[in-house]
C-alpha atoms as a PDB file:
ATOM      1  CA  MET A   1      38.576 -40.941-127.596  1.00  0.00           C
ATOM      2  CA  LYS A   2      42.129 -41.872-126.733  1.00  0.00           C
ATOM      3  CA  LEU A   3      45.390 -40.678-128.221  1.00  0.00           C
ATOM      4  CA  LEU A   4      47.996 -43.239-129.174  1.00  0.00           C
ATOM      5  CA  GLN A   5      51.498 -41.859-128.760  1.00  0.00           C
ATOM      6  CA  GLY A   6      54.847 -43.247-129.819  1.00  0.00           C
ATOM      7  CA  SER A   7      53.615 -45.789-132.355  1.00  0.00           C
ATOM      8  CA  SER A   8      54.573 -45.608-135.955  1.00  0.00           C
ATOM      9  CA  PRO A   9      51.807 -44.709-138.424  1.00  0.00           C
ATOM     10  CA  ARG A  10      54.018 -46.305-141.098  1.00  0.00           C
ATOM     11  CA  SER A  11      53.710 -49.694-139.401  1.00  0.00           C
ATOM     12  CA  LEU A  12      49.963 -49.152-139.301  1.00  0.00           C
ATOM     13  CA  GLU A  13      49.810 -48.620-143.051  1.00  0.00           C
ATOM     14  CA  LEU A  14      51.883 -51.709-143.795  1.00  0.00           C
ATOM     15  CA  THR A  15      50.341 -54.305-141.484  1.00  0.00           C
ATOM     16  CA  ASN A  16      47.321 -52.919-139.622  1.00  0.00           C
ATOM     17  CA  GLU A  17      49.199 -53.943-136.491  1.00  0.00           C
ATOM     18  CA  ILE A  18      51.192 -51.819-134.097  1.00  0.00           C
ATOM     19  CA  SER A  19      53.842 -52.911-131.637  1.00  0.00           C
ATOM     20  CA  ILE A  20      53.171 -52.047-128.012  1.00  0.00           C
ATOM     21  CA  TYR A  21      56.862 -51.218-127.607  1.00  0.00           C
ATOM     22  CA  LYS A  22      58.240 -47.726-127.961  1.00  0.00           C
ATOM     23  CA  GLY A  23      61.317 -45.929-126.798  1.00  0.00           C
ATOM     24  CA  THR A  24      65.035 -46.332-127.271  1.00  0.00           C
ATOM     25  CA  LEU A  25      67.559 -49.085-126.830  1.00  0.00           C
ATOM     26  CA  THR A  26      70.208 -48.097-124.312  1.00  0.00           C
ATOM     27  CA  THR A  27      73.700 -49.460-123.785  1.00  0.00           C
ATOM     28  CA  PRO A  28      73.109 -50.363-120.094  1.00  0.00           C
ATOM     29  CA  CYS A  29      70.086 -52.440-121.103  1.00  0.00           C
ATOM     30  CA  ILE A  30      72.070 -54.229-123.823  1.00  0.00           C
ATOM     31  CA  ILE A  31      74.916 -55.006-121.383  1.00  0.00           C
ATOM     32  CA  LYS A  32      72.542 -56.245-118.669  1.00  0.00           C
ATOM     33  CA  ASN A  33      70.632 -58.478-121.059  1.00  0.00           C
ATOM     34  CA  ILE A  34      73.708 -59.871-122.797  1.00  0.00           C
ATOM     35  CA  ALA A  35      74.966 -60.931-119.364  1.00  0.00           C
ATOM     36  CA  LYS A  36      71.624 -62.655-118.800  1.00  0.00           C
ATOM     37  CA  ILE A  37      71.933 -64.521-122.120  1.00  0.00           C
ATOM     38  CA  LYS A  38      75.516 -65.555-121.316  1.00  0.00           C
ATOM     39  CA  ASN A  39      74.366 -67.007-118.000  1.00  0.00           C
ATOM     40  CA  ALA A  40      71.396 -68.808-119.530  1.00  0.00           C
ATOM     41  CA  PHE A  41      73.209 -70.067-122.644  1.00  0.00           C
ATOM     42  CA  PRO A  42      76.944 -70.342-121.878  1.00  0.00           C
ATOM     43  CA  ALA A  43      77.655 -72.355-125.053  1.00  0.00           C
ATOM     44  CA  LEU A  44      76.936 -69.426-127.383  1.00  0.00           C
ATOM     45  CA  PRO A  45      80.078 -68.227-129.202  1.00  0.00           C
ATOM     46  CA  GLU A  46      81.466 -64.770-128.412  1.00  0.00           C
ATOM     47  CA  GLY A  47      80.744 -63.578-131.971  1.00  0.00           C
ATOM     48  CA  PHE A  48      77.039 -64.108-131.343  1.00  0.00           C
ATOM     49  CA  TYR A  49      76.779 -61.054-129.103  1.00  0.00           C
ATOM     50  CA  GLU A  50      78.207 -58.551-131.567  1.00  0.00           C
ATOM     51  CA  VAL A  51      75.797 -59.679-134.281  1.00  0.00           C
ATOM     52  CA  PHE A  52      72.991 -59.857-131.717  1.00  0.00           C
ATOM     53  CA  SER A  53      73.529 -56.246-130.597  1.00  0.00           C
ATOM     54  CA  ASP A  54      73.667 -55.044-134.186  1.00  0.00           C
ATOM     55  CA  ARG A  55      70.436 -56.831-135.115  1.00  0.00           C
ATOM     56  CA  MET A  56      68.572 -55.501-132.070  1.00  0.00           C
ATOM     57  CA  GLU A  57      69.458 -51.933-133.017  1.00  0.00           C
ATOM     58  CA  ALA A  58      68.731 -52.498-136.724  1.00  0.00           C
ATOM     59  CA  ASN A  59      65.296 -53.917-135.917  1.00  0.00           C
ATOM     60  CA  GLY A  60      64.273 -50.943-133.808  1.00  0.00           C
ATOM     61  CA  PHE A  61      64.259 -52.617-130.411  1.00  0.00           C
ATOM     62  CA  CYS A  62      63.755 -50.589-127.256  1.00  0.00           C
ATOM     63  CA  ASP A  63      64.776 -51.549-123.730  1.00  0.00           C
ATOM     64  CA  ASP A  64      61.419 -53.115-122.805  1.00  0.00           C
ATOM     65  CA  ARG A  65      61.157 -55.177-125.983  1.00  0.00           C
ATOM     66  CA  LEU A  66      64.735 -56.432-125.601  1.00  0.00           C
ATOM     67  CA  THR A  67      64.168 -57.473-121.994  1.00  0.00           C
ATOM     68  CA  ASP A  68      60.855 -59.169-122.827  1.00  0.00           C
ATOM     69  CA  ALA A  69      62.372 -60.928-125.852  1.00  0.00           C
ATOM     70  CA  ILE A  70      65.267 -62.305-123.830  1.00  0.00           C
ATOM     71  CA  ASN A  71      62.995 -63.486-121.039  1.00  0.00           C
ATOM     72  CA  ASN A  72      60.725 -65.129-123.605  1.00  0.00           C
ATOM     73  CA  VAL A  73      63.611 -66.998-125.264  1.00  0.00           C
ATOM     74  CA  ILE A  74      65.025 -68.100-121.909  1.00  0.00           C
ATOM     75  CA  ASP A  75      61.599 -69.400-120.915  1.00  0.00           C
ATOM     76  CA  ASN A  76      60.778 -71.077-124.245  1.00  0.00           C
ATOM     77  CA  CYS A  77      63.957 -72.129-126.068  1.00  0.00           C
ATOM     78  CA  ILE A  78      63.765 -75.917-126.482  1.00  0.00           C
ATOM     79  CA  TYR A  79      67.128 -76.365-128.175  1.00  0.00           C
ATOM     80  CA  PRO A  80      70.486 -76.140-126.424  1.00  0.00           C
ATOM     81  CA  THR A  81      71.194 -72.691-127.853  1.00  0.00           C
ATOM     82  CA  PRO A  82      68.899 -70.028-129.301  1.00  0.00           C
ATOM     83  CA  THR A  83      69.250 -68.248-132.615  1.00  0.00           C
ATOM     84  CA  ILE A  84      69.224 -64.511-133.133  1.00  0.00           C
ATOM     85  CA  ALA A  85      65.967 -64.926-135.046  1.00  0.00           C
ATOM     86  CA  GLN A  86      64.256 -66.234-131.912  1.00  0.00           C
ATOM     87  CA  PHE A  87      64.990 -62.939-130.172  1.00  0.00           C
ATOM     88  CA  ILE A  88      64.217 -60.668-133.120  1.00  0.00           C
ATOM     89  CA  SER A  89      60.888 -62.303-133.893  1.00  0.00           C
ATOM     90  CA  PHE A  90      59.524 -61.458-130.456  1.00  0.00           C
ATOM     91  CA  ASP A  91      57.011 -58.621-130.375  1.00  0.00           C
ATOM     92  CA  ARG A  92      53.640 -57.848-128.856  1.00  0.00           C
ATOM     93  CA  ARG A  93      51.290 -56.231-131.307  1.00  0.00           C
ATOM     94  CA  PHE A  94      47.676 -55.197-131.482  1.00  0.00           C
ATOM     95  CA  LYS A  95      45.481 -54.943-134.540  1.00  0.00           C
ATOM     96  CA  VAL A  96      43.851 -51.701-135.597  1.00  0.00           C
ATOM     97  CA  TYR A  97      40.909 -51.155-137.903  1.00  0.00           C
ATOM     98  CA  HIS A  98      39.997 -48.181-140.063  1.00  0.00           C
ATOM     99  CA  TYR A  99      36.400 -46.957-140.120  1.00  0.00           C
ATOM    100  CA  GLU A 100      35.613 -48.783-143.354  1.00  0.00           C
ATOM    101  CA  GLU A 101      36.889 -52.037-141.832  1.00  0.00           C
ATOM    102  CA  MET A 102      34.741 -51.467-138.764  1.00  0.00           C
ATOM    103  CA  LEU A 103      31.695 -50.991-140.994  1.00  0.00           C
ATOM    104  CA  LYS A 104      32.473 -54.290-142.706  1.00  0.00           C
ATOM    105  CA  LEU A 105      32.841 -56.035-139.327  1.00  0.00           C
ATOM    106  CA  SER A 106      29.556 -54.510-138.240  1.00  0.00           C
ATOM    107  CA  ASP A 107      27.842 -55.860-141.358  1.00  0.00           C
ATOM    108  CA  GLU A 108      29.317 -59.320-140.764  1.00  0.00           C
ATOM    109  CA  MET A 109      28.918 -59.558-136.981  1.00  0.00           C
ATOM    110  CA  GLY A 110      26.217 -57.089-136.062  1.00  0.00           C
ATOM    111  CA  SER A 111      26.234 -53.600-134.613  1.00  0.00           C
ATOM    112  CA  GLU A 112      27.239 -54.898-131.165  1.00  0.00           C
ATOM    113  CA  ILE A 113      30.797 -55.126-132.502  1.00  0.00           C
ATOM    114  CA  TRP A 114      31.146 -51.390-131.848  1.00  0.00           C
ATOM    115  CA  LEU A 115      30.941 -52.106-128.101  1.00  0.00           C
ATOM    116  CA  SER A 116      34.119 -54.195-128.300  1.00  0.00           C
ATOM    117  CA  TYR A 117      36.244 -51.452-129.914  1.00  0.00           C
ATOM    118  CA  ASP A 118      37.254 -47.913-129.029  1.00  0.00           C
ATOM    119  CA  ALA A 119      38.571 -45.135-131.250  1.00  0.00           C
ATOM    120  CA  ILE A 120      42.183 -44.009-130.938  1.00  0.00           C
ATOM    121  CA  LYS A 121      43.783 -41.095-132.759  1.00  0.00           C
ATOM    122  CA  PHE A 122      47.402 -40.820-133.783  1.00  0.00           C
ATOM    123  CA  PRO A 123      48.966 -37.440-132.967  1.00  0.00           C
ATOM    124  CA  ASP A 124      49.817 -36.756-136.610  1.00  0.00           C
ATOM    125  CA  ARG A 125      46.650 -38.153-138.200  1.00  0.00           C
ATOM    126  CA  GLU A 126      43.205 -36.748-138.777  1.00  0.00           C
ATOM    127  CA  LYS A 127      41.418 -40.092-138.803  1.00  0.00           C
ATOM    128  CA  ASN A 128      40.776 -42.472-135.939  1.00  0.00           C
ATOM    129  CA  VAL A 129      41.564 -46.152-135.846  1.00  0.00           C
ATOM    130  CA  TRP A 130      39.653 -48.668-133.742  1.00  0.00           C
ATOM    131  CA  VAL A 131      41.286 -51.050-131.288  1.00  0.00           C
ATOM    132  CA  ARG A 132      39.723 -53.843-129.234  1.00  0.00           C
ATOM    133  CA  VAL A 133      38.811 -52.584-125.777  1.00  0.00           C
ATOM    134  CA  ASP A 134      40.583 -55.637-124.318  1.00  0.00           C
ATOM    135  CA  ASP A 135      43.836 -54.613-126.059  1.00  0.00           C
ATOM    136  CA  ILE A 136      43.464 -51.037-124.843  1.00  0.00           C
ATOM    137  CA  LYS A 137      43.238 -52.322-121.265  1.00  0.00           C
ATOM    138  CA  LYS A 138      45.859 -55.077-121.684  1.00  0.00           C
ATOM    139  CA  TYR A 139      48.492 -52.766-123.163  1.00  0.00           C
ATOM    140  CA  ASN A 140      47.482 -49.711-121.121  1.00  0.00           C
ATOM    141  CA  LEU A 141      46.914 -47.510-124.154  1.00  0.00           C
ATOM    142  CA  LYS A 142      46.276 -43.989-122.885  1.00  0.00           C
ATOM    143  CA  SER A 143      45.670 -40.547-124.172  1.00  0.00           C
END
């Protein structure tokens, strides 16, 4: 059994998905990444960056998510300039299942489904959740 640290149980209750990102958003990371955006999209107005910084903080971004979001927009923006929403919408998430949901999946797909999932326990919870083994490996979820 693995222990999942740093993820919000509240997000689990609301969506059954958890972001892989955790940590804090630091000023050096914001400065570095704003410079990257300015170089990639020089036509953006100066006011963009103040609103952008505010929205990153308000949406609970951490350094890794901010960097990944900016790289994603630079790589995929098809219009001349991106919107703040293109940055904010970026996240990498994995789905979790409660025991009852796993039983339902087992009924629908057969008992072999249990081989594709592993139990993870939140530090402040008594009950496990199940996550695809592929996601555990992909996102390096550890105890």
